[in-house]
């Protein structure tokens, strides 16, 4: 394998995992990397986003290669794609071990989006245990963060206190994210000079550093 496989994993629903996956993939591509994305979620939300992206952007949408795969088939698909791409980003479904586990097994880095509440941190523990069992590095990303909320800082400290690596970059709870996804784009295309774009770009840099490690 020549590239890096990045799996987005979170068994708790509502974490914004697909949105983070799409934005991370586009940010890496805009940074000069060749990127492929794989949708493992039977709901196909990432695939629907990609189809809208193709319809809207046409040839410009070829900044990403796109595939779908079942849980057991994702290992083969990822191994194939990573030979020709710098990064392969895998979006997994919530609430199911069987679909998520193979994508975690094949990953070089597992990114775990997490809303900054105690309930979400507790609910993330089964996902983190699964990652730890495979021995893969994990990066927790606080997502849908309300700025100036003391709780966000407390949750980051609590996660670090449990021994987890937490990204310095936090993704804000901004309407711009779902609005851009609904049109097959990202905030980097709809609001290129906005704060949301700054956040995603910073997260991509952090993930890039983790990939190099």
Protein backbone atom coordinates (compact mmCIF):
# COMPACT_ATOMS: atom_id res chain seq x y z
CA UNK A 1 0.00 0.00 0.00
CA UNK A 2 1.33 3.45 -0.90
CA UNK A 3 -1.25 5.77 0.64
CA UNK A 4 -3.08 6.14 3.94
CA UNK A 5 -6.51 4.76 4.84
CA UNK A 6 -8.56 7.00 7.10
CA UNK A 7 -11.75 5.55 8.58
CA UNK A 8 -14.48 7.71 10.10
CA UNK A 9 -16.07 5.66 12.87
CA UNK A 10 -18.66 6.40 15.53
CA UNK A 11 -21.35 3.99 16.71
CA UNK A 12 -23.44 6.77 18.22
CA UNK A 13 -25.68 8.38 15.65
CA UNK A 14 -25.89 12.13 15.15
CA UNK A 15 -22.17 12.81 15.39
CA UNK A 16 -21.94 14.40 11.93
CA UNK A 17 -19.62 11.65 10.73
CA UNK A 18 -20.59 11.77 7.05
CA UNK A 19 -20.25 15.55 6.94
CA UNK A 20 -16.77 15.34 8.48
CA UNK A 21 -15.81 12.56 6.05
CA UNK A 22 -16.85 14.56 2.99
CA UNK A 23 -15.19 17.76 4.18
CA UNK A 24 -11.99 16.00 5.18
CA UNK A 25 -11.76 14.26 1.81
CA UNK A 26 -12.24 17.50 -0.14
CA UNK A 27 -9.80 19.38 2.11
CA UNK A 28 -7.11 16.75 1.54
CA UNK A 29 -7.76 16.87 -2.22
CA UNK A 30 -7.55 20.66 -2.24
CA UNK A 31 -4.24 20.30 -0.43
CA UNK A 32 -2.82 18.48 -3.43
CA UNK A 33 -3.43 14.86 -2.47
CA UNK A 34 -5.16 12.27 -4.63
CA UNK A 35 -8.16 11.09 -2.61
CA UNK A 36 -10.73 8.31 -2.84
CA UNK A 37 -13.82 7.93 -0.67
CA UNK A 38 -15.71 4.76 0.20
CA UNK A 39 -19.28 4.72 1.52
CA UNK A 40 -19.95 1.68 3.71
CA UNK A 41 -23.17 3.04 5.25
CA UNK A 42 -26.25 1.25 3.81
CA UNK A 43 -28.12 4.56 4.04
CA UNK A 44 -25.79 5.86 1.35
CA UNK A 45 -25.69 9.47 2.52
CA UNK A 46 -22.15 10.02 1.28
CA UNK A 47 -23.07 8.50 -2.07
CA UNK A 48 -26.06 10.84 -2.41
CA UNK A 49 -23.79 13.78 -1.64
CA UNK A 50 -21.29 12.61 -4.26
CA UNK A 51 -24.01 12.23 -6.92
CA UNK A 52 -25.15 15.80 -6.25
CA UNK A 53 -21.53 16.86 -6.46
CA UNK A 54 -21.16 15.28 -9.89
CA UNK A 55 -24.41 16.87 -11.10
CA UNK A 56 -23.38 20.33 -9.91
CA UNK A 57 -19.65 20.36 -10.56
CA UNK A 58 -19.35 18.07 -13.57
CA UNK A 59 -15.72 17.39 -14.45
CA UNK A 60 -14.60 19.38 -11.40
CA UNK A 61 -16.00 16.58 -9.22
CA UNK A 62 -13.19 14.25 -10.31
CA UNK A 63 -11.09 15.62 -7.45
CA UNK A 64 -12.39 12.51 -5.67
CA UNK A 65 -12.75 8.89 -6.66
CA UNK A 66 -15.86 7.29 -5.19
CA UNK A 67 -16.81 3.71 -4.38
CA UNK A 68 -19.36 1.88 -2.25
CA UNK A 69 -18.68 -1.34 -0.37
CA UNK A 70 -20.26 -3.69 2.13
CA UNK A 71 -18.58 -4.17 5.47
CA UNK A 72 -16.67 -7.29 4.45
CA UNK A 73 -15.81 -5.88 1.03
CA UNK A 74 -14.33 -2.61 2.24
CA UNK A 75 -10.95 -4.17 3.00
CA UNK A 76 -10.51 -5.30 -0.60
CA UNK A 77 -11.78 -2.01 -2.03
CA UNK A 78 -9.56 0.08 0.24
CA UNK A 79 -6.46 -1.98 -0.52
CA UNK A 80 -7.11 -1.56 -4.23
CA UNK A 81 -7.70 2.21 -4.06
CA UNK A 82 -4.80 3.00 -1.75
CA UNK A 83 -2.33 1.73 -4.34
CA UNK A 84 -3.15 4.71 -6.55
CA UNK A 85 -4.21 7.39 -4.04
CA UNK A 86 -2.52 9.33 -1.28
CA UNK A 87 -5.55 8.95 0.98
CA UNK A 88 -8.65 6.77 1.12
CA UNK A 89 -11.44 8.10 3.37
CA UNK A 90 -14.02 5.55 4.55
CA UNK A 91 -17.42 6.54 5.95
CA UNK A 92 -18.97 3.86 8.17
CA UNK A 93 -22.51 3.44 9.51
CA UNK A 94 -23.47 3.96 13.16
CA UNK A 95 -24.83 1.28 15.47
CA UNK A 96 -23.33 -1.77 13.77
CA UNK A 97 -20.15 -3.68 14.55
CA UNK A 98 -20.26 -5.90 11.48
CA UNK A 99 -20.14 -3.04 8.97
CA UNK A 100 -17.69 -0.92 10.96
CA UNK A 101 -15.11 -3.44 12.17
CA UNK A 102 -13.52 -4.28 8.77
CA UNK A 103 -13.11 -0.58 8.00
CA UNK A 104 -11.37 -0.10 11.35
CA UNK A 105 -9.17 -3.13 10.81
CA UNK A 106 -7.82 -1.81 7.49
CA UNK A 107 -7.32 1.78 8.67
CA UNK A 108 -4.02 3.52 9.30
CA UNK A 109 -5.89 6.21 11.24
CA UNK A 110 -9.40 6.22 12.72
CA UNK A 111 -11.09 9.61 13.07
CA UNK A 112 -13.90 9.64 15.63
CA UNK A 113 -16.28 12.63 15.49
CA UNK A 114 -17.76 13.40 18.90
CA UNK A 115 -20.32 15.91 20.05
CA UNK A 116 -19.06 17.66 23.20
CA UNK A 117 -21.43 16.21 25.80
CA UNK A 118 -20.85 13.65 28.55
CA UNK A 119 -23.49 11.35 27.06
CA UNK A 120 -21.72 11.35 23.69
CA UNK A 121 -18.36 10.65 25.31
CA UNK A 122 -19.82 7.71 27.24
CA UNK A 123 -21.55 6.39 24.12
CA UNK A 124 -18.29 6.58 22.17
CA UNK A 125 -16.54 4.10 24.45
CA UNK A 126 -17.58 0.93 22.50
CA UNK A 127 -16.17 2.45 19.30
CA UNK A 128 -12.91 3.33 21.04
CA UNK A 129 -12.65 -0.15 22.54
CA UNK A 130 -13.07 -1.65 19.08
CA UNK A 131 -10.31 0.62 17.74
CA UNK A 132 -8.03 -0.21 20.66
CA UNK A 133 -8.56 -3.93 20.09
CA UNK A 134 -7.22 -3.53 16.55
CA UNK A 135 -4.29 -1.45 17.81
CA UNK A 136 -4.95 1.43 15.40
CA UNK A 137 -4.30 5.08 16.23
CA UNK A 138 -7.43 7.14 16.81
CA UNK A 139 -8.07 10.87 16.70
CA UNK A 140 -11.17 12.25 18.40
CA UNK A 141 -12.65 15.35 16.79
CA UNK A 142 -15.09 17.52 18.70
CA UNK A 143 -17.85 18.32 16.22
CA UNK A 144 -20.93 20.56 16.31
CA UNK A 145 -19.26 22.63 18.99
CA UNK A 146 -21.06 25.71 20.31
CA UNK A 147 -18.44 28.40 20.70
CA UNK A 148 -17.79 29.84 24.15
CA UNK A 149 -19.29 26.72 25.70
CA UNK A 150 -17.25 25.71 28.73
CA UNK A 151 -18.49 22.15 28.27
CA UNK A 152 -16.52 21.74 25.04
CA UNK A 153 -13.23 22.38 26.82
CA UNK A 154 -14.26 20.11 29.65
CA UNK A 155 -15.10 17.28 27.26
CA UNK A 156 -11.77 17.63 25.45
CA UNK A 157 -9.95 17.49 28.77
CA UNK A 158 -12.03 14.51 29.91
CA UNK A 159 -11.25 12.57 26.71
CA UNK A 160 -7.54 13.33 27.02
CA UNK A 161 -7.69 12.29 30.66
CA UNK A 162 -8.92 8.88 29.56
CA UNK A 163 -5.86 8.53 27.34
CA UNK A 164 -7.39 9.48 23.98
CA UNK A 165 -5.80 11.76 21.41
CA UNK A 166 -8.09 14.73 20.78
CA UNK A 167 -7.65 17.05 17.81
CA UNK A 168 -6.79 20.63 18.67
CA UNK A 169 -9.16 21.72 15.92
CA UNK A 170 -12.84 21.83 16.83
CA UNK A 171 -15.62 21.96 14.24
CA UNK A 172 -18.33 24.47 15.06
CA UNK A 173 -22.08 23.92 15.01
CA UNK A 174 -22.63 25.91 11.82
CA UNK A 175 -25.55 25.89 9.38
CA UNK A 176 -22.99 26.22 6.57
CA UNK A 177 -22.01 22.56 6.88
CA UNK A 178 -25.38 20.86 6.21
CA UNK A 179 -26.30 23.59 3.72
CA UNK A 180 -23.22 22.88 1.62
CA UNK A 181 -23.70 19.11 1.83
CA UNK A 182 -27.23 19.42 0.49
CA UNK A 183 -25.87 20.84 -2.75
CA UNK A 184 -23.06 18.31 -3.18
CA UNK A 185 -20.42 20.75 -2.06
CA UNK A 186 -18.50 21.68 1.08
CA UNK A 187 -18.02 24.91 2.96
CA UNK A 188 -14.69 25.30 1.17
CA UNK A 189 -16.68 25.87 -2.01
CA UNK A 190 -19.72 27.71 -0.63
CA UNK A 191 -17.91 29.90 1.92
CA UNK A 192 -14.21 29.79 0.96
CA UNK A 193 -13.29 32.67 3.28
CA UNK A 194 -15.52 31.64 6.16
CA UNK A 195 -14.63 30.40 9.63
CA UNK A 196 -16.01 26.95 8.78
CA UNK A 197 -13.48 26.62 5.98
CA UNK A 198 -10.69 27.63 8.34
CA UNK A 199 -11.77 24.90 10.75
CA UNK A 200 -11.89 22.18 8.11
CA UNK A 201 -8.55 23.23 6.64
CA UNK A 202 -6.96 23.15 10.09
CA UNK A 203 -8.41 19.70 10.76
CA UNK A 204 -7.04 18.41 7.45
CA UNK A 205 -3.59 19.67 8.45
CA UNK A 206 -3.84 17.82 11.77
CA UNK A 207 -4.94 14.64 10.05
CA UNK A 208 -2.11 15.05 7.56
CA UNK A 209 0.40 15.24 10.41
CA UNK A 210 -1.13 12.15 12.00
CA UNK A 211 -0.88 10.36 8.64
CA UNK A 212 2.81 11.15 8.40
CA UNK A 213 3.39 9.81 11.89
